[in-house]
């Protein structure tokens, strides 16, 4: 079996032996009845770590965000989000398709934020002609860019002043915690709800935890059922999430360091790159270069999203030696292409 060096996403990781052992040993019960002890423990651990009353284990980050939107909003309501936000752009239009919730996308600034003036201008007045603006949804991080914490405080103050609920898609929130050396609860203080992904960067095979107040999670549990996200003996999956939280957070610094190392190396080879803040960066390629470069790498055991705006993602299955090997292959490719 070929061992690929896969730089397409941090969702491609595979459970290691220790995580698999934790999954096999998990104590389980029927989660539909609230009787799976491992699921209950995971929900309590994540909620406490992020400073919320309760948590809800769901199969995916996409479903977690959708459940949050459908809990916050009713049919005909509106949520504000960035043009680049996952919940708006990359989740199949689920809010509109399944929740009858209207998105109001706004441009993201260079740092991933949304201009406060744009948010305030987009909030609809109370009028029968307009959708009711109910929710502001942010994401941290956007393309590996960390939202400045001062901005987060300002936007939360704006939302509170305007009577909006706030949801944070914290798909890679632990990356932010490691980079900023801030506690997760500090980073999300003031949000009404937050989605915490366990399979991006942390290495769990599946799952996210939606956090909020007790009443919010009680309502969210119904939407999980409606959306088909209710699982039974899900402790085998929750155990992977618990293992990831216990063992894979501090090592995210390795991914940040490897991203910086690879970005510098690619820049020295002549690629135009964005300097990474966490484990993700982008490289600009000529369109004509993409297909031959992709073939060169694939035939040598490397998977990358080779596009004109190529996203490169580091994770726990990619070592420093792997990064050095990729740089060697790219150097050889440049010589071959020339």
C-alpha atoms as a PDB file:
ATOM      1  CA  UNK A   1       0.000   0.000   0.000  1.00  0.00           C
ATOM      2  CA  UNK A   2       1.380   3.398  -1.017  1.00  0.00           C
ATOM      3  CA  UNK A   3       2.046   5.799   1.838  1.00  0.00           C
ATOM      4  CA  UNK A   4       0.870   9.135   0.553  1.00  0.00           C
ATOM      5  CA  UNK A   5       2.066  12.487   1.800  1.00  0.00           C
ATOM      6  CA  UNK A   6      -1.292  14.230   1.669  1.00  0.00           C
ATOM      7  CA  UNK A   7      -1.332  18.018   1.912  1.00  0.00           C
ATOM      8  CA  UNK A   8      -4.883  18.605   0.645  1.00  0.00           C
ATOM      9  CA  UNK A   9      -6.549  18.966   4.043  1.00  0.00           C
ATOM     10  CA  UNK A  10      -6.195  18.170   7.735  1.00  0.00           C
ATOM     11  CA  UNK A  11      -9.297  15.973   7.428  1.00  0.00           C
ATOM     12  CA  UNK A  12      -7.313  13.178   5.738  1.00  0.00           C
ATOM     13  CA  UNK A  13      -5.622  11.919   8.906  1.00  0.00           C
ATOM     14  CA  UNK A  14      -6.073   8.337  10.062  1.00  0.00           C
ATOM     15  CA  UNK A  15      -6.467   7.146  13.649  1.00  0.00           C
ATOM     16  CA  UNK A  16      -3.249   5.822  15.125  1.00  0.00           C
ATOM     17  CA  UNK A  17      -2.958   2.635  17.138  1.00  0.00           C
ATOM     18  CA  UNK A  18      -3.526   4.358  20.487  1.00  0.00           C
ATOM     19  CA  UNK A  19      -6.647   6.133  19.263  1.00  0.00           C
ATOM     20  CA  UNK A  20      -7.984   2.895  17.787  1.00  0.00           C
ATOM     21  CA  UNK A  21      -7.375   1.161  21.121  1.00  0.00           C
ATOM     22  CA  UNK A  22      -9.321   3.895  22.924  1.00  0.00           C
ATOM     23  CA  UNK A  23     -12.178   3.442  20.463  1.00  0.00           C
ATOM     24  CA  UNK A  24     -12.207  -0.317  20.944  1.00  0.00           C
ATOM     25  CA  UNK A  25     -12.273   0.038  24.730  1.00  0.00           C
ATOM     26  CA  UNK A  26     -15.029   2.663  24.800  1.00  0.00           C
ATOM     27  CA  UNK A  27     -17.972   2.143  27.129  1.00  0.00           C
ATOM     28  CA  UNK A  28     -21.131   2.603  25.057  1.00  0.00           C
ATOM     29  CA  UNK A  29     -24.906   2.892  25.369  1.00  0.00           C
ATOM     30  CA  UNK A  30     -27.818   4.194  23.324  1.00  0.00           C
ATOM     31  CA  UNK A  31     -27.205   7.887  22.792  1.00  0.00           C
ATOM     32  CA  UNK A  32     -30.781   8.416  21.589  1.00  0.00           C
ATOM     33  CA  UNK A  33     -31.744   7.839  25.214  1.00  0.00           C
ATOM     34  CA  UNK A  34     -28.780   9.875  26.458  1.00  0.00           C
ATOM     35  CA  UNK A  35     -27.241   6.673  27.814  1.00  0.00           C
ATOM     36  CA  UNK A  36     -23.871   6.534  26.070  1.00  0.00           C
ATOM     37  CA  UNK A  37     -21.386   7.381  28.849  1.00  0.00           C
ATOM     38  CA  UNK A  38     -18.507   8.175  26.481  1.00  0.00           C
ATOM     39  CA  UNK A  39     -20.612  10.552  24.402  1.00  0.00           C
ATOM     40  CA  UNK A  40     -21.876  12.222  27.562  1.00  0.00           C
ATOM     41  CA  UNK A  41     -18.328  12.600  28.841  1.00  0.00           C
ATOM     42  CA  UNK A  42     -17.098  14.108  25.552  1.00  0.00           C
ATOM     43  CA  UNK A  43     -19.976  16.595  25.479  1.00  0.00           C
ATOM     44  CA  UNK A  44     -19.292  17.633  29.081  1.00  0.00           C
ATOM     45  CA  UNK A  45     -15.524  17.947  28.534  1.00  0.00           C
ATOM     46  CA  UNK A  46     -15.838  20.135  25.436  1.00  0.00           C
ATOM     47  CA  UNK A  47     -18.596  22.302  26.913  1.00  0.00           C
ATOM     48  CA  UNK A  48     -16.581  22.909  30.079  1.00  0.00           C
ATOM     49  CA  UNK A  49     -13.398  23.666  28.152  1.00  0.00           C
ATOM     50  CA  UNK A  50     -15.205  26.301  26.085  1.00  0.00           C
ATOM     51  CA  UNK A  51     -17.181  27.742  28.981  1.00  0.00           C
ATOM     52  CA  UNK A  52     -20.679  26.627  27.984  1.00  0.00           C
ATOM     53  CA  UNK A  53     -23.404  24.835  29.901  1.00  0.00           C
ATOM     54  CA  UNK A  54     -23.843  21.945  27.484  1.00  0.00           C
ATOM     55  CA  UNK A  55     -22.565  20.271  24.333  1.00  0.00           C
ATOM     56  CA  UNK A  56     -24.010  18.073  21.604  1.00  0.00           C
ATOM     57  CA  UNK A  57     -21.968  15.467  19.690  1.00  0.00           C
ATOM     58  CA  UNK A  58     -22.828  15.362  15.982  1.00  0.00           C
ATOM     59  CA  UNK A  59     -21.324  13.543  12.995  1.00  0.00           C
ATOM     60  CA  UNK A  60     -19.826  16.541  11.177  1.00  0.00           C
ATOM     61  CA  UNK A  61     -18.969  20.224  11.320  1.00  0.00           C
ATOM     62  CA  UNK A  62     -21.388  20.865   8.464  1.00  0.00           C
ATOM     63  CA  UNK A  63     -24.244  19.389  10.475  1.00  0.00           C
ATOM     64  CA  UNK A  64     -23.134  21.202  13.617  1.00  0.00           C
ATOM     65  CA  UNK A  65     -23.279  24.560  11.836  1.00  0.00           C
ATOM     66  CA  UNK A  66     -26.634  23.751  10.246  1.00  0.00           C
ATOM     67  CA  UNK A  67     -28.123  22.659  13.570  1.00  0.00           C
ATOM     68  CA  UNK A  68     -26.909  25.913  15.107  1.00  0.00           C
ATOM     69  CA  UNK A  69     -28.454  27.983  12.312  1.00  0.00           C
ATOM     70  CA  UNK A  70     -31.777  26.134  12.552  1.00  0.00           C
ATOM     71  CA  UNK A  71     -31.822  26.505  16.329  1.00  0.00           C
ATOM     72  CA  UNK A  72     -31.076  30.220  16.219  1.00  0.00           C
ATOM     73  CA  UNK A  73     -33.324  31.059  13.257  1.00  0.00           C
ATOM     74  CA  UNK A  74     -36.864  30.325  12.116  1.00  0.00           C
ATOM     75  CA  UNK A  75     -38.136  30.002   8.537  1.00  0.00           C
ATOM     76  CA  UNK A  76     -37.728  33.315   6.768  1.00  0.00           C
ATOM     77  CA  UNK A  77     -35.059  34.598   9.140  1.00  0.00           C
ATOM     78  CA  UNK A  78     -31.632  35.695   7.974  1.00  0.00           C
ATOM     79  CA  UNK A  79     -28.068  35.134   9.110  1.00  0.00           C
ATOM     80  CA  UNK A  80     -25.058  37.296   8.276  1.00  0.00           C
ATOM     81  CA  UNK A  81     -21.791  35.578   7.350  1.00  0.00           C
ATOM     82  CA  UNK A  82     -18.624  36.199   5.370  1.00  0.00           C
ATOM     83  CA  UNK A  83     -18.429  35.352   1.673  1.00  0.00           C
ATOM     84  CA  UNK A  84     -15.642  32.898   2.509  1.00  0.00           C
ATOM     85  CA  UNK A  85     -17.400  31.350   5.503  1.00  0.00           C
ATOM     86  CA  UNK A  86     -17.752  27.591   5.380  1.00  0.00           C
ATOM     87  CA  UNK A  87     -21.369  27.717   6.567  1.00  0.00           C
ATOM     88  CA  UNK A  88     -22.262  29.947   3.626  1.00  0.00           C
ATOM     89  CA  UNK A  89     -19.984  28.805   0.818  1.00  0.00           C
ATOM     90  CA  UNK A  90     -19.044  25.170   1.335  1.00  0.00           C
ATOM     91  CA  UNK A  91     -22.007  23.470   3.014  1.00  0.00           C
ATOM     92  CA  UNK A  92     -24.322  22.970   0.063  1.00  0.00           C
ATOM     93  CA  UNK A  93     -26.644  25.837   0.896  1.00  0.00           C
ATOM     94  CA  UNK A  94     -28.081  23.738   3.713  1.00  0.00           C
ATOM     95  CA  UNK A  95     -29.445  26.704   5.649  1.00  0.00           C
ATOM     96  CA  UNK A  96     -31.571  27.753   2.669  1.00  0.00           C
ATOM     97  CA  UNK A  97     -32.380  24.239   1.413  1.00  0.00           C
ATOM     98  CA  UNK A  98     -33.313  22.637   4.728  1.00  0.00           C
ATOM     99  CA  UNK A  99     -33.887  25.535   7.107  1.00  0.00           C
ATOM    100  CA  UNK A 100     -35.530  28.141   4.832  1.00  0.00           C
ATOM    101  CA  UNK A 101     -32.994  30.564   6.318  1.00  0.00           C
ATOM    102  CA  UNK A 102     -31.714  33.362   4.099  1.00  0.00           C
ATOM    103  CA  UNK A 103     -27.967  33.977   4.100  1.00  0.00           C
ATOM    104  CA  UNK A 104     -26.670  37.536   3.874  1.00  0.00           C
ATOM    105  CA  UNK A 105     -23.031  37.108   2.764  1.00  0.00           C
ATOM    106  CA  UNK A 106     -20.614  40.009   3.168  1.00  0.00           C
ATOM    107  CA  UNK A 107     -17.025  40.384   1.888  1.00  0.00           C
ATOM    108  CA  UNK A 108     -14.240  39.122   4.102  1.00  0.00           C
ATOM    109  CA  UNK A 109     -11.358  41.495   4.669  1.00  0.00           C
ATOM    110  CA  UNK A 110      -7.739  40.429   4.128  1.00  0.00           C
ATOM    111  CA  UNK A 111      -7.469  39.230   7.746  1.00  0.00           C
ATOM    112  CA  UNK A 112     -10.681  37.187   7.498  1.00  0.00           C
ATOM    113  CA  UNK A 113     -12.846  39.693   9.362  1.00  0.00           C
ATOM    114  CA  UNK A 114     -16.015  41.384   8.121  1.00  0.00           C
ATOM    115  CA  UNK A 115     -16.093  45.177   8.305  1.00  0.00           C
ATOM    116  CA  UNK A 116     -18.206  46.329  11.249  1.00  0.00           C
ATOM    117  CA  UNK A 117     -19.778  49.016   9.075  1.00  0.00           C
ATOM    118  CA  UNK A 118     -20.833  46.391   6.530  1.00  0.00           C
ATOM    119  CA  UNK A 119     -22.400  44.220   9.227  1.00  0.00           C
ATOM    120  CA  UNK A 120     -24.352  47.116  10.702  1.00  0.00           C
ATOM    121  CA  UNK A 121     -25.571  48.234   7.265  1.00  0.00           C
ATOM    122  CA  UNK A 122     -26.738  44.688   6.430  1.00  0.00           C
ATOM    123  CA  UNK A 123     -28.981  44.314   9.487  1.00  0.00           C
ATOM    124  CA  UNK A 124     -32.538  44.665   8.248  1.00  0.00           C
ATOM    125  CA  UNK A 125     -35.041  46.976   9.940  1.00  0.00           C
ATOM    126  CA  UNK A 126     -38.175  45.456  11.424  1.00  0.00           C
ATOM    127  CA  UNK A 127     -40.389  45.577   8.361  1.00  0.00           C
ATOM    128  CA  UNK A 128     -42.679  43.050   6.676  1.00  0.00           C
ATOM    129  CA  UNK A 129     -40.744  43.493   3.410  1.00  0.00           C
ATOM    130  CA  UNK A 130     -37.508  42.097   4.815  1.00  0.00           C
ATOM    131  CA  UNK A 131     -36.195  38.858   6.208  1.00  0.00           C
ATOM    132  CA  UNK A 132     -35.585  39.146   9.935  1.00  0.00           C
ATOM    133  CA  UNK A 133     -31.885  39.405  10.718  1.00  0.00           C
ATOM    134  CA  UNK A 134     -31.404  37.071  13.673  1.00  0.00           C
ATOM    135  CA  UNK A 135     -27.826  35.809  13.695  1.00  0.00           C
ATOM    136  CA  UNK A 136     -24.234  36.781  12.992  1.00  0.00           C
ATOM    137  CA  UNK A 137     -22.061  33.753  12.126  1.00  0.00           C
ATOM    138  CA  UNK A 138     -18.269  34.044  12.155  1.00  0.00           C
ATOM    139  CA  UNK A 139     -15.515  31.546  11.458  1.00  0.00           C
ATOM    140  CA  UNK A 140     -12.155  31.168  13.105  1.00  0.00           C
ATOM    141  CA  UNK A 141      -9.953  30.524  11.214  1.00  0.00           C
ATOM    142  CA  UNK A 142     -10.630  31.657   7.592  1.00  0.00           C
ATOM    143  CA  UNK A 143      -8.092  30.075   5.246  1.00  0.00           C
ATOM    144  CA  UNK A 144      -5.694  29.709   8.137  1.00  0.00           C
ATOM    145  CA  UNK A 145      -6.029  33.390   9.086  1.00  0.00           C
ATOM    146  CA  UNK A 146      -6.818  34.032  12.738  1.00  0.00           C
ATOM    147  CA  UNK A 147      -9.456  36.633  13.513  1.00  0.00           C
ATOM    148  CA  UNK A 148      -7.863  39.358  15.679  1.00  0.00           C
ATOM    149  CA  UNK A 149      -9.260  39.070  19.190  1.00  0.00           C
ATOM    150  CA  UNK A 150      -9.832  42.829  19.437  1.00  0.00           C
ATOM    151  CA  UNK A 151     -12.031  42.529  16.361  1.00  0.00           C
ATOM    152  CA  UNK A 152     -13.931  39.628  17.920  1.00  0.00           C
ATOM    153  CA  UNK A 153     -14.703  41.743  20.980  1.00  0.00           C
ATOM    154  CA  UNK A 154     -15.887  44.624  18.782  1.00  0.00           C
ATOM    155  CA  UNK A 155     -18.123  42.501  16.591  1.00  0.00           C
ATOM    156  CA  UNK A 156     -19.682  40.770  19.596  1.00  0.00           C
ATOM    157  CA  UNK A 157     -20.440  44.161  21.127  1.00  0.00           C
ATOM    158  CA  UNK A 158     -22.099  45.228  17.866  1.00  0.00           C
ATOM    159  CA  UNK A 159     -24.196  42.063  17.737  1.00  0.00           C
ATOM    160  CA  UNK A 160     -25.300  42.488  21.335  1.00  0.00           C
ATOM    161  CA  UNK A 161     -26.223  46.118  20.722  1.00  0.00           C
ATOM    162  CA  UNK A 162     -28.308  45.088  17.705  1.00  0.00           C
ATOM    163  CA  UNK A 163     -29.962  42.137  19.439  1.00  0.00           C
ATOM    164  CA  UNK A 164     -28.337  39.448  17.273  1.00  0.00           C
ATOM    165  CA  UNK A 165     -27.364  35.983  18.423  1.00  0.00           C
ATOM    166  CA  UNK A 166     -23.803  34.953  17.511  1.00  0.00           C
ATOM    167  CA  UNK A 167     -22.430  31.628  16.318  1.00  0.00           C
ATOM    168  CA  UNK A 168     -18.765  30.749  15.866  1.00  0.00           C
ATOM    169  CA  UNK A 169     -17.695  28.059  13.435  1.00  0.00           C
ATOM    170  CA  UNK A 170     -14.650  27.009  15.436  1.00  0.00           C
ATOM    171  CA  UNK A 171     -13.559  24.348  12.958  1.00  0.00           C
ATOM    172  CA  UNK A 172      -9.905  24.962  13.854  1.00  0.00           C
ATOM    173  CA  UNK A 173     -10.362  26.809  17.131  1.00  0.00           C
ATOM    174  CA  UNK A 174      -7.666  24.756  18.869  1.00  0.00           C
ATOM    175  CA  UNK A 175      -5.149  26.045  16.311  1.00  0.00           C
ATOM    176  CA  UNK A 176      -6.076  29.549  17.424  1.00  0.00           C
ATOM    177  CA  UNK A 177      -5.730  28.605  21.082  1.00  0.00           C
ATOM    178  CA  UNK A 178      -2.255  27.153  20.508  1.00  0.00           C
ATOM    179  CA  UNK A 179      -1.086  30.102  18.399  1.00  0.00           C
ATOM    180  CA  UNK A 180      -2.435  32.764  20.749  1.00  0.00           C
ATOM    181  CA  UNK A 181      -1.702  30.799  23.932  1.00  0.00           C
ATOM    182  CA  UNK A 182      -5.185  31.672  25.114  1.00  0.00           C
ATOM    183  CA  UNK A 183      -7.661  29.316  26.752  1.00  0.00           C
ATOM    184  CA  UNK A 184     -10.476  28.189  24.441  1.00  0.00           C
ATOM    185  CA  UNK A 185     -13.063  29.695  26.811  1.00  0.00           C
ATOM    186  CA  UNK A 186     -11.391  33.093  26.458  1.00  0.00           C
ATOM    187  CA  UNK A 187     -11.509  32.917  22.673  1.00  0.00           C
ATOM    188  CA  UNK A 188     -15.251  32.218  22.504  1.00  0.00           C
ATOM    189  CA  UNK A 189     -16.480  34.256  25.460  1.00  0.00           C
ATOM    190  CA  UNK A 190     -19.587  36.186  24.437  1.00  0.00           C
ATOM    191  CA  UNK A 191     -20.703  33.903  21.591  1.00  0.00           C
ATOM    192  CA  UNK A 192     -24.144  32.338  21.896  1.00  0.00           C
ATOM    193  CA  UNK A 193     -22.925  29.071  20.389  1.00  0.00           C
ATOM    194  CA  UNK A 194     -19.769  27.522  19.002  1.00  0.00           C
ATOM    195  CA  UNK A 195     -19.061  24.491  16.831  1.00  0.00           C
ATOM    196  CA  UNK A 196     -15.874  22.583  17.698  1.00  0.00           C
ATOM    197  CA  UNK A 197     -14.545  20.166  15.074  1.00  0.00           C
ATOM    198  CA  UNK A 198     -12.621  17.075  16.170  1.00  0.00           C
ATOM    199  CA  UNK A 199     -11.591  15.812  12.723  1.00  0.00           C
ATOM    200  CA  UNK A 200      -9.744  18.898  11.432  1.00  0.00           C
ATOM    201  CA  UNK A 201      -6.227  18.910  12.779  1.00  0.00           C
ATOM    202  CA  UNK A 202      -6.953  16.909  15.931  1.00  0.00           C
ATOM    203  CA  UNK A 203      -7.002  13.618  14.040  1.00  0.00           C
ATOM    204  CA  UNK A 204     -10.325  12.115  15.092  1.00  0.00           C
ATOM    205  CA  UNK A 205     -12.009  10.224  12.225  1.00  0.00           C
ATOM    206  CA  UNK A 206     -15.356  11.999  12.602  1.00  0.00           C
ATOM    207  CA  UNK A 207     -17.379  14.382  14.718  1.00  0.00           C
ATOM    208  CA  UNK A 208     -17.983  17.871  16.065  1.00  0.00           C
ATOM    209  CA  UNK A 209     -19.433  19.194  19.304  1.00  0.00           C
ATOM    210  CA  UNK A 210     -21.931  22.063  19.278  1.00  0.00           C
ATOM    211  CA  UNK A 211     -21.832  24.073  22.498  1.00  0.00           C
ATOM    212  CA  UNK A 212     -24.327  26.503  23.992  1.00  0.00           C
ATOM    213  CA  UNK A 213     -26.674  27.044  26.909  1.00  0.00           C
ATOM    214  CA  UNK A 214     -28.658  24.147  28.286  1.00  0.00           C
ATOM    215  CA  UNK A 215     -31.845  25.418  26.640  1.00  0.00           C
ATOM    216  CA  UNK A 216     -30.088  25.954  23.313  1.00  0.00           C
ATOM    217  CA  UNK A 217     -28.659  22.432  23.258  1.00  0.00           C
ATOM    218  CA  UNK A 218     -32.013  20.959  24.229  1.00  0.00           C
ATOM    219  CA  UNK A 219     -33.540  22.631  21.176  1.00  0.00           C
ATOM    220  CA  UNK A 220     -30.555  21.672  19.030  1.00  0.00           C
ATOM    221  CA  UNK A 221     -31.000  18.012  19.982  1.00  0.00           C
ATOM    222  CA  UNK A 222     -34.345  17.974  18.192  1.00  0.00           C
ATOM    223  CA  UNK A 223     -32.798  19.390  15.001  1.00  0.00           C
ATOM    224  CA  UNK A 224     -30.042  16.775  15.180  1.00  0.00           C
ATOM    225  CA  UNK A 225     -32.785  14.138  15.143  1.00  0.00           C
ATOM    226  CA  UNK A 226     -34.635  15.827  12.262  1.00  0.00           C
ATOM    227  CA  UNK A 227     -31.437  16.041  10.215  1.00  0.00           C
ATOM    228  CA  UNK A 228     -30.590  12.367  10.756  1.00  0.00           C
ATOM    229  CA  UNK A 229     -27.607  13.035  12.979  1.00  0.00           C
ATOM    230  CA  UNK A 230     -28.825  11.042  15.959  1.00  0.00           C
ATOM    231  CA  UNK A 231     -26.526   8.059  16.510  1.00  0.00           C
ATOM    232  CA  UNK A 232     -26.827   5.063  18.811  1.00  0.00           C
ATOM    233  CA  UNK A 233     -23.725   3.453  20.347  1.00  0.00           C
ATOM    234  CA  UNK A 234     -21.630   6.439  19.295  1.00  0.00           C
ATOM    235  CA  UNK A 235     -19.157   6.114  22.157  1.00  0.00           C
ATOM    236  CA  UNK A 236     -16.689   4.401  19.834  1.00  0.00           C
ATOM    237  CA  UNK A 237     -16.532   7.676  17.884  1.00  0.00           C
ATOM    238  CA  UNK A 238     -16.651   9.920  20.927  1.00  0.00           C
ATOM    239  CA  UNK A 239     -13.681   8.031  22.372  1.00  0.00           C
ATOM    240  CA  UNK A 240     -11.597   9.109  19.381  1.00  0.00           C
ATOM    241  CA  UNK A 241     -12.572  12.709  20.043  1.00  0.00           C
ATOM    242  CA  UNK A 242     -11.635  12.429  23.702  1.00  0.00           C
ATOM    243  CA  UNK A 243      -8.283  10.902  22.800  1.00  0.00           C
ATOM    244  CA  UNK A 244      -7.640  13.712  20.314  1.00  0.00           C
ATOM    245  CA  UNK A 245      -8.416  16.395  22.896  1.00  0.00           C
ATOM    246  CA  UNK A 246      -6.175  14.738  25.465  1.00  0.00           C
ATOM    247  CA  UNK A 247      -3.196  14.086  23.175  1.00  0.00           C
ATOM    248  CA  UNK A 248      -3.279  16.141  19.967  1.00  0.00           C
ATOM    249  CA  UNK A 249      -3.748  19.778  20.932  1.00  0.00           C
ATOM    250  CA  UNK A 250      -0.273  20.847  22.052  1.00  0.00           C
ATOM    251  CA  UNK A 251       1.308  19.107  19.068  1.00  0.00           C
ATOM    252  CA  UNK A 252      -0.549  21.494  16.718  1.00  0.00           C
ATOM    253  CA  UNK A 253       2.516  23.702  17.155  1.00  0.00           C
ATOM    254  CA  UNK A 254       4.384  21.133  15.046  1.00  0.00           C
ATOM    255  CA  UNK A 255       1.913  21.660  12.201  1.00  0.00           C
ATOM    256  CA  UNK A 256       2.337  25.428  12.434  1.00  0.00           C
ATOM    257  CA  UNK A 257       6.114  25.065  12.326  1.00  0.00           C
ATOM    258  CA  UNK A 258       5.967  22.655   9.389  1.00  0.00           C
ATOM    259  CA  UNK A 259       3.642  24.999   7.491  1.00  0.00           C
ATOM    260  CA  UNK A 260       6.073  27.883   8.011  1.00  0.00           C
ATOM    261  CA  UNK A 261       9.026  25.696   6.955  1.00  0.00           C
ATOM    262  CA  UNK A 262       7.296  24.492   3.789  1.00  0.00           C
ATOM    263  CA  UNK A 263       6.081  27.975   2.902  1.00  0.00           C
ATOM    264  CA  UNK A 264       9.607  29.406   3.227  1.00  0.00           C
ATOM    265  CA  UNK A 265      11.015  26.592   1.132  1.00  0.00           C
ATOM    266  CA  UNK A 266       8.433  27.049  -1.617  1.00  0.00           C
ATOM    267  CA  UNK A 267       9.049  30.801  -1.600  1.00  0.00           C
ATOM    268  CA  UNK A 268      12.766  30.179  -2.076  1.00  0.00           C
ATOM    269  CA  UNK A 269      11.880  28.023  -5.087  1.00  0.00           C
ATOM    270  CA  UNK A 270      10.086  30.981  -6.652  1.00  0.00           C
ATOM    271  CA  UNK A 271       6.488  30.292  -5.645  1.00  0.00           C
ATOM    272  CA  UNK A 272       4.352  33.185  -4.444  1.00  0.00           C
ATOM    273  CA  UNK A 273       2.954  32.177  -1.081  1.00  0.00           C
ATOM    274  CA  UNK A 274       0.885  33.592   1.758  1.00  0.00           C
ATOM    275  CA  UNK A 275       2.775  33.428   5.019  1.00  0.00           C
ATOM    276  CA  UNK A 276       0.971  30.983   7.335  1.00  0.00           C
ATOM    277  CA  UNK A 277      -0.404  31.937  10.711  1.00  0.00           C
ATOM    278  CA  UNK A 278      -1.414  28.372  11.575  1.00  0.00           C
ATOM    279  CA  UNK A 279      -1.303  25.139   9.545  1.00  0.00           C
ATOM    280  CA  UNK A 280      -2.639  26.480   6.228  1.00  0.00           C
ATOM    281  CA  UNK A 281      -1.143  28.650   3.505  1.00  0.00           C
ATOM    282  CA  UNK A 282      -1.720  29.332  -0.175  1.00  0.00           C
ATOM    283  CA  UNK A 283       0.609  29.270  -3.172  1.00  0.00           C
ATOM    284  CA  UNK A 284      -0.072  31.042  -6.468  1.00  0.00           C
ATOM    285  CA  UNK A 285       0.620  29.027  -9.627  1.00  0.00           C
ATOM    286  CA  UNK A 286       0.311  29.638 -13.337  1.00  0.00           C
ATOM    287  CA  UNK A 287      -2.721  27.768 -14.683  1.00  0.00           C
ATOM    288  CA  UNK A 288      -0.625  25.965 -17.301  1.00  0.00           C
ATOM    289  CA  UNK A 289       1.678  24.649 -14.570  1.00  0.00           C
ATOM    290  CA  UNK A 290      -1.031  22.922 -12.521  1.00  0.00           C
ATOM    291  CA  UNK A 291      -1.629  19.703 -14.486  1.00  0.00           C
ATOM    292  CA  UNK A 292       2.036  18.759 -15.050  1.00  0.00           C
ATOM    293  CA  UNK A 293       2.954  19.613 -11.454  1.00  0.00           C
ATOM    294  CA  UNK A 294       0.035  17.567 -10.138  1.00  0.00           C
ATOM    295  CA  UNK A 295       1.070  14.557 -12.240  1.00  0.00           C
ATOM    296  CA  UNK A 296       4.698  14.906 -11.108  1.00  0.00           C
ATOM    297  CA  UNK A 297       3.706  14.883  -7.443  1.00  0.00           C
ATOM    298  CA  UNK A 298       1.038  12.166  -7.708  1.00  0.00           C
ATOM    299  CA  UNK A 299       3.423   9.738  -9.400  1.00  0.00           C
ATOM    300  CA  UNK A 300       5.842  10.324  -6.515  1.00  0.00           C
ATOM    301  CA  UNK A 301       3.367   9.778  -3.692  1.00  0.00           C
ATOM    302  CA  UNK A 302       2.328  13.359  -2.900  1.00  0.00           C
ATOM    303  CA  UNK A 303      -1.232  14.661  -2.986  1.00  0.00           C
ATOM    304  CA  UNK A 304      -1.817  18.406  -3.143  1.00  0.00           C
ATOM    305  CA  UNK A 305      -4.638  20.604  -4.406  1.00  0.00           C
ATOM    306  CA  UNK A 306      -2.677  21.829  -7.412  1.00  0.00           C
ATOM    307  CA  UNK A 307      -4.705  24.802  -8.605  1.00  0.00           C
ATOM    308  CA  UNK A 308      -3.813  28.417  -9.472  1.00  0.00           C
ATOM    309  CA  UNK A 309      -4.637  29.287  -5.846  1.00  0.00           C
ATOM    310  CA  UNK A 310      -3.256  26.161  -4.185  1.00  0.00           C
ATOM    311  CA  UNK A 311      -4.175  25.513  -0.556  1.00  0.00           C
ATOM    312  CA  UNK A 312      -1.518  23.634   1.419  1.00  0.00           C
ATOM    313  CA  UNK A 313      -2.483  22.091   4.763  1.00  0.00           C
ATOM    314  CA  UNK A 314      -0.197  20.487   7.352  1.00  0.00           C
ATOM    315  CA  UNK A 315      -1.382  17.953   9.925  1.00  0.00           C
ATOM    316  CA  UNK A 316      -0.296  15.190  12.285  1.00  0.00           C
ATOM    317  CA  UNK A 317       0.288  12.645   9.494  1.00  0.00           C
ATOM    318  CA  UNK A 318       2.919  14.876   7.849  1.00  0.00           C
ATOM    319  CA  UNK A 319       6.349  15.006   9.509  1.00  0.00           C
ATOM    320  CA  UNK A 320       9.229  17.431   9.036  1.00  0.00           C
ATOM    321  CA  UNK A 321      10.982  14.721   7.002  1.00  0.00           C
ATOM    322  CA  UNK A 322       7.898  14.529   4.762  1.00  0.00           C
ATOM    323  CA  UNK A 323       8.002  18.293   4.263  1.00  0.00           C
ATOM    324  CA  UNK A 324      11.687  18.163   3.339  1.00  0.00           C
ATOM    325  CA  UNK A 325      10.910  15.385   0.849  1.00  0.00           C
ATOM    326  CA  UNK A 326       8.132  17.465  -0.736  1.00  0.00           C
ATOM    327  CA  UNK A 327      10.508  20.409  -1.103  1.00  0.00           C
ATOM    328  CA  UNK A 328      13.044  18.154  -2.808  1.00  0.00           C
ATOM    329  CA  UNK A 329      10.368  16.932  -5.221  1.00  0.00           C
ATOM    330  CA  UNK A 330       9.288  20.496  -5.985  1.00  0.00           C
ATOM    331  CA  UNK A 331      12.898  21.498  -6.586  1.00  0.00           C
ATOM    332  CA  UNK A 332      13.325  18.558  -8.959  1.00  0.00           C
ATOM    333  CA  UNK A 333      10.098  19.489 -10.704  1.00  0.00           C
ATOM    334  CA  UNK A 334      11.248  23.080 -11.258  1.00  0.00           C
ATOM    335  CA  UNK A 335      14.485  21.829 -12.776  1.00  0.00           C
ATOM    336  CA  UNK A 336      12.566  19.354 -14.936  1.00  0.00           C
ATOM    337  CA  UNK A 337      10.104  22.037 -16.074  1.00  0.00           C
ATOM    338  CA  UNK A 338      12.894  24.451 -16.938  1.00  0.00           C
END
